[in-house]
C-alpha atoms as a PDB file:
ATOM      1  CA  UNK A   1     101.423 115.548  88.356  1.00  0.00           C
ATOM      2  CA  UNK A   2     103.678 113.419  86.178  1.00  0.00           C
ATOM      3  CA  UNK A   3     102.334 110.159  84.778  1.00  0.00           C
ATOM      4  CA  UNK A   4     103.511 107.149  86.769  1.00  0.00           C
ATOM      5  CA  UNK A   5     105.661 105.850  83.924  1.00  0.00           C
ATOM      6  CA  UNK A   6     107.577 109.121  83.880  1.00  0.00           C
ATOM      7  CA  UNK A   7     108.249 108.858  87.627  1.00  0.00           C
ATOM      8  CA  UNK A   8     110.572 105.896  87.095  1.00  0.00           C
ATOM      9  CA  UNK A   9     113.499 108.324  86.974  1.00  0.00           C
ATOM     10  CA  UNK A  10     112.589 109.553  90.457  1.00  0.00           C
ATOM     11  CA  UNK A  11     113.433 106.161  91.887  1.00  0.00           C
ATOM     12  CA  UNK A  12     116.873 105.804  90.265  1.00  0.00           C
ATOM     13  CA  UNK A  13     120.138 107.443  91.222  1.00  0.00           C
ATOM     14  CA  UNK A  14     121.026 110.394  88.974  1.00  0.00           C
ATOM     15  CA  UNK A  15     123.814 108.778  86.897  1.00  0.00           C
ATOM     16  CA  UNK A  16     121.874 105.566  86.527  1.00  0.00           C
ATOM     17  CA  UNK A  17     118.791 107.612  85.573  1.00  0.00           C
ATOM     18  CA  UNK A  18     120.469 109.253  82.633  1.00  0.00           C
ATOM     19  CA  UNK A  19     121.925 106.033  81.265  1.00  0.00           C
ATOM     20  CA  UNK A  20     118.835 103.907  81.851  1.00  0.00           C
ATOM     21  CA  UNK A  21     116.345 106.441  80.479  1.00  0.00           C
ATOM     22  CA  UNK A  22     118.464 107.021  77.396  1.00  0.00           C
ATOM     23  CA  UNK A  23     118.714 103.273  76.778  1.00  0.00           C
ATOM     24  CA  UNK A  24     115.027 102.694  77.445  1.00  0.00           C
ATOM     25  CA  UNK A  25     114.062 105.645  75.247  1.00  0.00           C
ATOM     26  CA  UNK A  26     116.104 104.222  72.384  1.00  0.00           C
ATOM     27  CA  UNK A  27     114.597 100.797  72.904  1.00  0.00           C
ATOM     28  CA  UNK A  28     111.076 102.231  73.094  1.00  0.00           C
ATOM     29  CA  UNK A  29     111.553 104.042  69.784  1.00  0.00           C
ATOM     30  CA  UNK A  30     112.849 100.889  68.129  1.00  0.00           C
ATOM     31  CA  UNK A  31     109.922  98.694  69.176  1.00  0.00           C
ATOM     32  CA  UNK A  32     106.639  98.863  67.314  1.00  0.00           C
ATOM     33  CA  UNK A  33     104.583  98.152  70.411  1.00  0.00           C
ATOM     34  CA  UNK A  34     106.266 100.856  72.503  1.00  0.00           C
ATOM     35  CA  UNK A  35     105.700  99.149  75.866  1.00  0.00           C
ATOM     36  CA  UNK A  36     108.374 100.323  78.276  1.00  0.00           C
ATOM     37  CA  UNK A  37     108.038  97.785  81.066  1.00  0.00           C
ATOM     38  CA  UNK A  38     106.983  94.644  79.217  1.00  0.00           C
ATOM     39  CA  UNK A  39     110.203  94.840  77.186  1.00  0.00           C
ATOM     40  CA  UNK A  40     112.552  94.751  80.170  1.00  0.00           C
ATOM     41  CA  UNK A  41     114.493  91.587  80.779  1.00  0.00           C
ATOM     42  CA  UNK A  42     114.962  90.421  84.384  1.00  0.00           C
ATOM     43  CA  UNK A  43     118.573  91.590  84.582  1.00  0.00           C
ATOM     44  CA  UNK A  44     117.592  94.983  83.160  1.00  0.00           C
ATOM     45  CA  UNK A  45     114.825  95.352  85.711  1.00  0.00           C
ATOM     46  CA  UNK A  46     117.234  94.602  88.553  1.00  0.00           C
ATOM     47  CA  UNK A  47     119.535  97.313  87.195  1.00  0.00           C
ATOM     48  CA  UNK A  48     116.670  99.773  87.551  1.00  0.00           C
ATOM     49  CA  UNK A  49     115.089  98.594  90.803  1.00  0.00           C
ATOM     50  CA  UNK A  50     117.964  96.868  92.606  1.00  0.00           C
ATOM     51  CA  UNK A  51     118.676  93.274  93.557  1.00  0.00           C
ATOM     52  CA  UNK A  52     115.565  91.155  93.414  1.00  0.00           C
ATOM     53  CA  UNK A  53     113.777  93.906  91.535  1.00  0.00           C
ATOM     54  CA  UNK A  54     112.467  95.534  94.699  1.00  0.00           C
ATOM     55  CA  UNK A  55     113.184  99.249  95.168  1.00  0.00           C
ATOM     56  CA  UNK A  56     113.959 100.867  98.465  1.00  0.00           C
ATOM     57  CA  UNK A  57     110.764 102.396  99.793  1.00  0.00           C
ATOM     58  CA  UNK A  58     110.385 106.080  99.032  1.00  0.00           C
ATOM     59  CA  UNK A  59     109.547 108.549 101.750  1.00  0.00           C
ATOM     60  CA  UNK A  60     106.059 109.641 100.652  1.00  0.00           C
ATOM     61  CA  UNK A  61     102.908 107.574 100.370  1.00  0.00           C
ATOM     62  CA  UNK A  62     102.389 108.725  96.779  1.00  0.00           C
ATOM     63  CA  UNK A  63     105.897 107.590  95.842  1.00  0.00           C
ATOM     64  CA  UNK A  64     105.271 104.212  97.443  1.00  0.00           C
ATOM     65  CA  UNK A  65     102.005 103.775  95.558  1.00  0.00           C
ATOM     66  CA  UNK A  66     103.762 104.724  92.318  1.00  0.00           C
ATOM     67  CA  UNK A  67     106.626 102.325  93.034  1.00  0.00           C
ATOM     68  CA  UNK A  68     104.152  99.514  93.580  1.00  0.00           C
ATOM     69  CA  UNK A  69     102.249 100.407  90.425  1.00  0.00           C
ATOM     70  CA  UNK A  70     105.492 100.317  88.416  1.00  0.00           C
ATOM     71  CA  UNK A  71     106.365  96.915  89.839  1.00  0.00           C
ATOM     72  CA  UNK A  72     102.892  95.630  88.988  1.00  0.00           C
ATOM     73  CA  UNK A  73     103.054  97.154  85.512  1.00  0.00           C
ATOM     74  CA  UNK A  74     106.354  95.382  84.901  1.00  0.00           C
ATOM     75  CA  UNK A  75     104.781  92.046  85.819  1.00  0.00           C
ATOM     76  CA  UNK A  76     106.838  91.681  88.979  1.00  0.00           C
ATOM     77  CA  UNK A  77     104.217  90.064  91.234  1.00  0.00           C
ATOM     78  CA  UNK A  78     106.734  88.605  93.680  1.00  0.00           C
ATOM     79  CA  UNK A  79     108.461  91.973  93.975  1.00  0.00           C
ATOM     80  CA  UNK A  80     105.078  93.594  94.701  1.00  0.00           C
ATOM     81  CA  UNK A  81     104.504  91.031  97.435  1.00  0.00           C
ATOM     82  CA  UNK A  82     107.948  91.587  98.980  1.00  0.00           C
ATOM     83  CA  UNK A  83     107.509  95.360  98.809  1.00  0.00           C
ATOM     84  CA  UNK A  84     104.048  95.347 100.415  1.00  0.00           C
ATOM     85  CA  UNK A  85     104.398  92.448 102.865  1.00  0.00           C
ATOM     86  CA  UNK A  86     108.063  91.988 103.744  1.00  0.00           C
ATOM     87  CA  UNK A  87     108.926  95.689 103.717  1.00  0.00           C
ATOM     88  CA  UNK A  88     105.641  96.498 105.477  1.00  0.00           C
ATOM     89  CA  UNK A  89     104.470  99.125 102.991  1.00  0.00           C
ATOM     90  CA  UNK A  90     101.022  97.521 102.852  1.00  0.00           C
ATOM     91  CA  UNK A  91     100.513  97.963 106.607  1.00  0.00           C
ATOM     92  CA  UNK A  92      99.938 101.682 106.122  1.00  0.00           C
ATOM     93  CA  UNK A  93      96.220 102.332 105.573  1.00  0.00           C
ATOM     94  CA  UNK A  94      97.095 105.634 103.890  1.00  0.00           C
ATOM     95  CA  UNK A  95      98.735 103.618 101.114  1.00  0.00           C
ATOM     96  CA  UNK A  96      95.503 101.759 100.341  1.00  0.00           C
ATOM     97  CA  UNK A  97      93.304 104.856 100.638  1.00  0.00           C
ATOM     98  CA  UNK A  98      95.507 106.776  98.236  1.00  0.00           C
ATOM     99  CA  UNK A  99      95.642 103.862  95.792  1.00  0.00           C
ATOM    100  CA  UNK A 100      91.833 103.637  95.904  1.00  0.00           C
ATOM    101  CA  UNK A 101      91.453 107.373  95.297  1.00  0.00           C
ATOM    102  CA  UNK A 102      93.933 107.289  92.410  1.00  0.00           C
ATOM    103  CA  UNK A 103      91.949 104.439  90.889  1.00  0.00           C
ATOM    104  CA  UNK A 104      88.866 106.641  90.943  1.00  0.00           C
ATOM    105  CA  UNK A 105      90.742 109.525  89.306  1.00  0.00           C
ATOM    106  CA  UNK A 106      92.545 107.710  86.486  1.00  0.00           C
ATOM    107  CA  UNK A 107      90.604 107.504  83.216  1.00  0.00           C
ATOM    108  CA  UNK A 108      89.138 104.136  82.249  1.00  0.00           C
ATOM    109  CA  UNK A 109      91.417 102.230  79.951  1.00  0.00           C
ATOM    110  CA  UNK A 110      94.589 104.046  81.032  1.00  0.00           C
ATOM    111  CA  UNK A 111      97.665 102.046  81.916  1.00  0.00           C
ATOM    112  CA  UNK A 112      97.894 103.791  85.276  1.00  0.00           C
ATOM    113  CA  UNK A 113      94.340 102.711  86.148  1.00  0.00           C
ATOM    114  CA  UNK A 114      95.140  99.129  85.192  1.00  0.00           C
ATOM    115  CA  UNK A 115      98.280  99.193  87.350  1.00  0.00           C
ATOM    116  CA  UNK A 116      96.669 100.692  90.451  1.00  0.00           C
ATOM    117  CA  UNK A 117      93.636  98.411  90.122  1.00  0.00           C
ATOM    118  CA  UNK A 118      96.003  95.452  89.876  1.00  0.00           C
ATOM    119  CA  UNK A 119      97.713  96.507  93.096  1.00  0.00           C
ATOM    120  CA  UNK A 120      94.345  96.969  94.828  1.00  0.00           C
ATOM    121  CA  UNK A 121      93.193  93.543  93.625  1.00  0.00           C
ATOM    122  CA  UNK A 122      96.121  91.936  95.474  1.00  0.00           C
ATOM    123  CA  UNK A 123      95.264  93.611  98.793  1.00  0.00           C
ATOM    124  CA  UNK A 124      93.056  90.871 100.255  1.00  0.00           C
ATOM    125  CA  UNK A 125      95.219  88.046  98.918  1.00  0.00           C
ATOM    126  CA  UNK A 126      98.231  89.539 100.689  1.00  0.00           C
ATOM    127  CA  UNK A 127      96.375  89.713 104.002  1.00  0.00           C
ATOM    128  CA  UNK A 128      95.562  93.432 104.193  1.00  0.00           C
END
């Protein structure tokens, strides 16, 4: 399974993928800290995820969990809320079960664990 950060390209259209990944790869190399998502400006994030920074929901539960983790990892709390509440992704119990199981599988201290745990921490506050 690919790391969540590498799945970003899955959620972009093919031409946009190539351009965005090339640009982000160059930016990542040029920054000492090497943090992909914390470096994105708001307008750049909307280029990747669409207007308002909220992607269209993917077809599989795993993709939806990964999309939410990427939004959380990018610090897009309002986009996470819109994705889970307004788009109804959070109404699917399979989403939360999978997120919980992924949390148990990711190694402590990994970015993916931090992201999925952050999504899970918002569950009750969002009314799920």
